[in-house]
Amino acid sequence: MATFDQELTGRYAAAGGDRPDPDARRIARAAFVRDTIRTLYNADKKFGIDPADNGSLAELVDAAEEHLEHIVNDVSRSVTTLPNTGGDTA
């Protein structure tokens, strides 16, 4: 059975965090943060926590999306799709 730490490490590696290229690691970290926040937001919704209380998490997901987009643009390489290891917040 994998520990929580192993699962998170696996998700980070799946996003590209284990690549030697520093730009790939930057993108992977941003994707990992976005997906982790999105997972918390979706879990709150699933367990019936009032959506009004989720406002800050929804805003964090949006901010993480913007951050990832900026990093991808900074890297200045052709990326047709952003790394996505999680679900939608909608």
N, C-alpha and C. Protein backbone atom coordinates (compact mmCIF):
# COMPACT_ATOMS: atom_id res chain seq x y z
N MET A 1 0.85 -1.18 0.00
CA MET A 1 0.00 0.00 0.00
C MET A 1 0.89 1.25 0.00
N ALA A 2 0.60 2.16 -0.88
CA ALA A 2 1.39 3.40 -0.99
C ALA A 2 0.99 4.38 0.10
N THR A 3 1.97 5.09 0.60
CA THR A 3 1.68 6.14 1.58
C THR A 3 1.22 7.38 0.82
N PHE A 4 0.66 8.30 1.56
CA PHE A 4 0.21 9.56 0.96
C PHE A 4 1.37 10.28 0.28
N ASP A 5 2.53 10.26 0.94
CA ASP A 5 3.72 10.89 0.38
C ASP A 5 4.12 10.24 -0.95
N GLN A 6 4.06 8.91 -1.02
CA GLN A 6 4.39 8.20 -2.25
C GLN A 6 3.40 8.54 -3.36
N GLU A 7 2.13 8.65 -3.00
CA GLU A 7 1.11 9.00 -3.99
C GLU A 7 1.37 10.40 -4.54
N LEU A 8 1.66 11.36 -3.66
CA LEU A 8 1.94 12.72 -4.11
C LEU A 8 3.20 12.77 -4.97
N THR A 9 4.22 12.02 -4.56
CA THR A 9 5.45 11.97 -5.35
C THR A 9 5.17 11.38 -6.73
N GLY A 10 4.35 10.35 -6.78
CA GLY A 10 3.97 9.75 -8.06
C GLY A 10 3.23 10.73 -8.95
N ARG A 11 2.34 11.51 -8.37
CA ARG A 11 1.60 12.51 -9.16
C ARG A 11 2.54 13.59 -9.68
N TYR A 12 3.50 13.99 -8.86
CA TYR A 12 4.48 14.99 -9.27
C TYR A 12 5.32 14.45 -10.43
N ALA A 13 5.77 13.20 -10.32
CA ALA A 13 6.55 12.59 -11.39
C ALA A 13 5.70 12.44 -12.66
N ALA A 14 4.44 12.08 -12.51
CA ALA A 14 3.56 11.93 -13.67
C ALA A 14 3.38 13.26 -14.40
N ALA A 15 3.45 14.36 -13.65
CA ALA A 15 3.32 15.68 -14.27
C ALA A 15 4.62 16.11 -14.93
N GLY A 16 5.71 15.36 -14.72
CA GLY A 16 6.99 15.68 -15.34
C GLY A 16 8.05 16.17 -14.39
N GLY A 17 7.79 16.08 -13.10
CA GLY A 17 8.73 16.59 -12.10
C GLY A 17 10.04 15.83 -12.03
N ASP A 18 10.08 14.64 -12.60
CA ASP A 18 11.31 13.85 -12.54
C ASP A 18 12.20 14.04 -13.77
N ARG A 19 11.82 14.94 -14.64
CA ARG A 19 12.62 15.20 -15.85
C ARG A 19 13.83 16.06 -15.49
N PRO A 20 14.93 15.86 -16.21
CA PRO A 20 16.13 16.65 -15.91
C PRO A 20 16.02 18.11 -16.37
N ASP A 21 15.15 18.39 -17.32
CA ASP A 21 14.98 19.73 -17.86
C ASP A 21 14.35 20.65 -16.81
N PRO A 22 15.02 21.75 -16.42
CA PRO A 22 14.47 22.65 -15.39
C PRO A 22 13.12 23.24 -15.79
N ASP A 23 12.91 23.53 -17.07
CA ASP A 23 11.64 24.08 -17.50
C ASP A 23 10.51 23.07 -17.33
N ALA A 24 10.79 21.81 -17.65
CA ALA A 24 9.79 20.76 -17.47
C ALA A 24 9.43 20.62 -15.99
N ARG A 25 10.43 20.74 -15.11
CA ARG A 25 10.16 20.66 -13.67
C ARG A 25 9.32 21.84 -13.20
N ARG A 26 9.58 23.04 -13.73
CA ARG A 26 8.77 24.21 -13.35
C ARG A 26 7.32 24.00 -13.74
N ILE A 27 7.10 23.49 -14.94
CA ILE A 27 5.73 23.23 -15.41
C ILE A 27 5.09 22.14 -14.55
N ALA A 28 5.85 21.10 -14.24
CA ALA A 28 5.33 20.00 -13.42
C ALA A 28 4.92 20.49 -12.04
N ARG A 29 5.76 21.33 -11.42
CA ARG A 29 5.42 21.86 -10.09
C ARG A 29 4.14 22.68 -10.15
N ALA A 30 4.02 23.52 -11.16
CA ALA A 30 2.81 24.35 -11.29
C ALA A 30 1.58 23.47 -11.52
N ALA A 31 1.71 22.45 -12.36
CA ALA A 31 0.58 21.54 -12.61
C ALA A 31 0.23 20.77 -11.34
N PHE A 32 1.24 20.37 -10.59
CA PHE A 32 1.02 19.64 -9.34
C PHE A 32 0.26 20.50 -8.33
N VAL A 33 0.67 21.74 -8.18
CA VAL A 33 -0.01 22.65 -7.25
C VAL A 33 -1.45 22.86 -7.67
N ARG A 34 -1.65 23.13 -8.98
CA ARG A 34 -3.01 23.33 -9.48
C ARG A 34 -3.88 22.12 -9.20
N ASP A 35 -3.38 20.93 -9.50
CA ASP A 35 -4.18 19.72 -9.34
C ASP A 35 -4.44 19.38 -7.89
N THR A 36 -3.48 19.69 -7.00
CA THR A 36 -3.68 19.45 -5.57
C THR A 36 -4.78 20.35 -5.03
N ILE A 37 -4.75 21.62 -5.39
CA ILE A 37 -5.79 22.55 -4.94
C ILE A 37 -7.15 22.13 -5.52
N ARG A 38 -7.16 21.75 -6.79
CA ARG A 38 -8.40 21.31 -7.44
C ARG A 38 -8.95 20.07 -6.73
N THR A 39 -8.09 19.15 -6.31
CA THR A 39 -8.53 17.95 -5.61
C THR A 39 -9.20 18.31 -4.29
N LEU A 40 -8.61 19.25 -3.55
CA LEU A 40 -9.22 19.71 -2.29
C LEU A 40 -10.58 20.34 -2.55
N TYR A 41 -10.67 21.16 -3.57
CA TYR A 41 -11.92 21.83 -3.91
C TYR A 41 -12.99 20.79 -4.26
N ASN A 42 -12.64 19.82 -5.11
CA ASN A 42 -13.60 18.80 -5.52
C ASN A 42 -14.01 17.91 -4.35
N ALA A 43 -13.08 17.61 -3.44
CA ALA A 43 -13.40 16.80 -2.27
C ALA A 43 -14.39 17.54 -1.38
N ASP A 44 -14.19 18.83 -1.18
CA ASP A 44 -15.14 19.62 -0.39
C ASP A 44 -16.53 19.54 -1.00
N LYS A 45 -16.62 19.72 -2.31
CA LYS A 45 -17.91 19.65 -2.98
C LYS A 45 -18.53 18.27 -2.81
N LYS A 46 -17.73 17.22 -2.97
CA LYS A 46 -18.21 15.84 -2.88
C LYS A 46 -18.78 15.55 -1.50
N PHE A 47 -18.14 16.08 -0.46
CA PHE A 47 -18.58 15.81 0.90
C PHE A 47 -19.61 16.82 1.41
N GLY A 48 -20.12 17.65 0.51
CA GLY A 48 -21.22 18.53 0.84
C GLY A 48 -20.87 19.76 1.63
N ILE A 49 -19.62 20.15 1.62
CA ILE A 49 -19.24 21.39 2.29
C ILE A 49 -19.80 22.55 1.47
N ASP A 50 -20.41 23.48 2.12
CA ASP A 50 -21.10 24.59 1.46
C ASP A 50 -20.20 25.25 0.41
N PRO A 51 -20.68 25.30 -0.85
CA PRO A 51 -19.88 25.93 -1.91
C PRO A 51 -19.46 27.35 -1.60
N ALA A 52 -20.25 28.06 -0.81
CA ALA A 52 -19.87 29.44 -0.45
C ALA A 52 -18.56 29.43 0.34
N ASP A 53 -18.34 28.36 1.10
CA ASP A 53 -17.09 28.24 1.86
C ASP A 53 -15.91 27.88 0.96
N ASN A 54 -16.20 27.43 -0.25
CA ASN A 54 -15.15 27.01 -1.17
C ASN A 54 -14.63 28.15 -2.02
N GLY A 55 -15.16 29.34 -1.85
CA GLY A 55 -14.76 30.46 -2.69
C GLY A 55 -13.27 30.65 -2.77
N SER A 56 -12.60 30.57 -1.63
CA SER A 56 -11.16 30.80 -1.65
C SER A 56 -10.44 29.67 -2.38
N LEU A 57 -10.91 28.44 -2.25
CA LEU A 57 -10.28 27.34 -2.99
C LEU A 57 -10.51 27.49 -4.49
N ALA A 58 -11.71 27.89 -4.88
CA ALA A 58 -11.98 28.10 -6.30
C ALA A 58 -11.08 29.20 -6.85
N GLU A 59 -10.89 30.25 -6.06
CA GLU A 59 -10.00 31.34 -6.48
C GLU A 59 -8.55 30.85 -6.56
N LEU A 60 -8.15 29.97 -5.64
CA LEU A 60 -6.81 29.42 -5.69
C LEU A 60 -6.61 28.54 -6.92
N VAL A 61 -7.65 27.77 -7.29
CA VAL A 61 -7.56 26.95 -8.51
C VAL A 61 -7.37 27.86 -9.70
N ASP A 62 -8.16 28.93 -9.78
CA ASP A 62 -8.03 29.88 -10.88
C ASP A 62 -6.64 30.50 -10.91
N ALA A 63 -6.14 30.89 -9.73
CA ALA A 63 -4.80 31.49 -9.67
C ALA A 63 -3.73 30.48 -10.08
N ALA A 64 -3.90 29.23 -9.68
CA ALA A 64 -2.94 28.19 -10.07
C ALA A 64 -2.97 27.96 -11.58
N GLU A 65 -4.17 28.01 -12.17
CA GLU A 65 -4.29 27.89 -13.63
C GLU A 65 -3.53 29.02 -14.32
N GLU A 66 -3.73 30.24 -13.83
CA GLU A 66 -3.04 31.39 -14.42
C GLU A 66 -1.53 31.27 -14.25
N HIS A 67 -1.10 30.83 -13.08
CA HIS A 67 0.33 30.65 -12.81
C HIS A 67 0.93 29.63 -13.78
N LEU A 68 0.24 28.52 -13.97
CA LEU A 68 0.72 27.49 -14.89
C LEU A 68 0.80 28.04 -16.30
N GLU A 69 -0.20 28.80 -16.71
CA GLU A 69 -0.19 29.39 -18.05
C GLU A 69 1.00 30.34 -18.22
N HIS A 70 1.27 31.15 -17.20
CA HIS A 70 2.41 32.07 -17.27
C HIS A 70 3.73 31.32 -17.37
N ILE A 71 3.85 30.25 -16.60
CA ILE A 71 5.08 29.46 -16.65
C ILE A 71 5.26 28.84 -18.03
N VAL A 72 4.20 28.28 -18.58
CA VAL A 72 4.28 27.68 -19.90
C VAL A 72 4.70 28.73 -20.92
N ASN A 73 4.14 29.94 -20.82
CA ASN A 73 4.52 31.02 -21.73
C ASN A 73 5.97 31.44 -21.50
N ASP A 74 6.40 31.47 -20.23
CA ASP A 74 7.78 31.82 -19.89
C ASP A 74 8.77 30.84 -20.51
N VAL A 75 8.42 29.59 -20.48
CA VAL A 75 9.31 28.56 -20.98
C VAL A 75 9.58 28.77 -22.47
N SER A 76 8.67 29.46 -23.13
CA SER A 76 8.83 29.81 -24.55
C SER A 76 9.07 28.59 -25.44
N ARG A 77 8.26 27.60 -25.23
CA ARG A 77 8.31 26.46 -26.13
C ARG A 77 6.90 26.08 -26.50
N SER A 78 6.76 25.33 -27.51
CA SER A 78 5.45 24.95 -28.01
C SER A 78 4.85 23.86 -27.13
N VAL A 79 3.81 24.24 -26.40
CA VAL A 79 3.07 23.29 -25.58
C VAL A 79 1.63 23.37 -26.04
N THR A 80 1.15 22.29 -26.64
CA THR A 80 -0.20 22.34 -27.18
C THR A 80 -1.25 22.11 -26.11
N THR A 81 -0.93 21.35 -25.07
CA THR A 81 -1.87 21.15 -23.97
C THR A 81 -1.13 21.25 -22.65
N LEU A 82 -1.79 21.80 -21.67
CA LEU A 82 -1.20 21.91 -20.34
C LEU A 82 -1.27 20.56 -19.65
N PRO A 83 -0.29 20.21 -18.82
CA PRO A 83 -0.36 18.97 -18.09
C PRO A 83 -1.63 18.94 -17.24
N ASN A 84 -2.35 17.84 -17.25
CA ASN A 84 -3.58 17.74 -16.50
C ASN A 84 -3.65 16.39 -15.84
N THR A 85 -3.50 16.36 -14.51
CA THR A 85 -3.57 15.10 -13.78
C THR A 85 -4.76 15.07 -12.84
N GLY A 86 -5.65 16.06 -12.97
CA GLY A 86 -6.82 16.11 -12.08
C GLY A 86 -8.09 16.36 -12.86
N GLY A 87 -9.17 16.61 -12.13
CA GLY A 87 -10.48 16.84 -12.74
C GLY A 87 -10.79 18.31 -12.85
N ASP A 88 -11.96 18.60 -13.36
CA ASP A 88 -12.40 20.00 -13.51
C ASP A 88 -13.03 20.48 -12.21
N THR A 89 -13.03 21.80 -12.04
CA THR A 89 -13.67 22.37 -10.86
C THR A 89 -15.10 22.77 -11.15
N ALA A 90 -15.51 22.72 -12.39
CA ALA A 90 -16.88 23.13 -12.75
C ALA A 90 -17.89 22.09 -12.38
